[in-house]
Amino acid sequence: MSTSKRKPLEPLYTVRQVADRYSVQPRTIREWVNDEKFKGAVKLTQKRILIPESALRAFEDALPRFTTH
């Protein structure tokens, strides 16, 4: 039995789930994946892509922040 501690698996999201989250079409998410906006996205097939939660957080953190005066 190994004594090493394993990092817990992070949630993975489908293209449809991410499209719903950002109110865009699935093809837009596929384009963003191709443009490498989601680091760590896994392409299982051309249309079957899984995107880790950490990639969504990084994407959101990189979005411009708007302030009101």
Protein backbone atom coordinates (compact mmCIF):
# COMPACT_ATOMS: atom_id res chain seq x y z
CA MET A 1 0.00 0.00 0.00
CA SER A 2 1.39 3.38 -1.01
CA THR A 3 1.85 6.07 1.59
CA SER A 4 1.95 8.92 -0.94
CA LYS A 5 -0.94 11.33 -0.80
CA ARG A 6 -2.89 11.77 -3.99
CA LYS A 7 -4.27 15.07 -5.10
CA PRO A 8 -8.07 14.89 -5.27
CA LEU A 9 -9.47 14.88 -8.78
CA GLU A 10 -10.94 18.18 -9.84
CA PRO A 11 -14.30 18.46 -11.57
CA LEU A 12 -14.34 18.28 -15.36
CA TYR A 13 -16.99 20.00 -17.45
CA THR A 14 -18.36 19.24 -20.90
CA VAL A 15 -18.50 21.77 -23.71
CA ARG A 16 -22.27 22.05 -23.21
CA GLN A 17 -21.88 22.78 -19.48
CA VAL A 18 -19.28 25.47 -20.12
CA ALA A 19 -21.38 26.98 -22.94
CA ASP A 20 -24.36 27.18 -20.56
CA ARG A 21 -22.15 28.75 -17.87
CA TYR A 22 -21.05 31.56 -20.20
CA SER A 23 -24.28 31.83 -22.23
CA VAL A 24 -22.60 31.03 -25.55
CA GLN A 25 -22.94 28.31 -28.18
CA PRO A 26 -20.93 25.08 -27.83
CA ARG A 27 -19.02 25.91 -31.02
CA THR A 28 -17.73 29.06 -29.29
CA ILE A 29 -16.32 26.95 -26.46
CA ARG A 30 -14.67 24.62 -29.00
CA GLU A 31 -13.11 27.66 -30.68
CA TRP A 32 -11.87 28.94 -27.31
CA VAL A 33 -10.36 25.51 -26.60
CA ASN A 34 -8.61 25.60 -30.00
CA ASP A 35 -7.38 29.12 -29.15
CA GLU A 36 -6.02 27.67 -25.86
CA LYS A 37 -8.17 29.86 -23.63
CA PHE A 38 -8.77 26.86 -21.35
CA LYS A 39 -5.40 25.44 -20.31
CA GLY A 40 -5.63 21.77 -19.49
CA ALA A 41 -8.68 21.02 -21.66
CA VAL A 42 -8.67 17.40 -22.80
CA LYS A 43 -9.80 16.58 -26.34
CA LEU A 44 -11.13 13.04 -26.36
CA THR A 45 -12.46 13.51 -29.91
CA GLN A 46 -13.08 16.58 -32.07
CA LYS A 47 -16.41 17.21 -30.34
CA ARG A 48 -15.82 15.46 -27.00
CA ILE A 49 -13.81 17.83 -24.82
CA LEU A 50 -13.50 17.99 -21.05
CA ILE A 51 -12.46 21.21 -19.35
CA PRO A 52 -11.10 21.22 -15.78
CA GLU A 53 -12.49 23.58 -13.18
CA SER A 54 -9.06 25.18 -12.74
CA ALA A 55 -9.12 26.22 -16.42
CA LEU A 56 -12.49 27.90 -15.93
CA ARG A 57 -11.20 29.78 -12.87
CA ALA A 58 -8.09 30.91 -14.75
CA PHE A 59 -10.22 32.05 -17.70
CA GLU A 60 -12.53 34.01 -15.40
CA ASP A 61 -9.60 35.56 -13.52
CA ALA A 62 -8.18 36.81 -16.84
CA LEU A 63 -11.42 38.57 -17.83
CA PRO A 64 -11.35 42.36 -17.59
CA ARG A 65 -12.91 43.80 -14.48
CA PHE A 66 -15.35 46.65 -14.91
CA THR A 67 -15.82 49.19 -12.17
CA THR A 68 -18.47 51.81 -11.76
CA HIS A 69 -17.69 55.29 -10.53
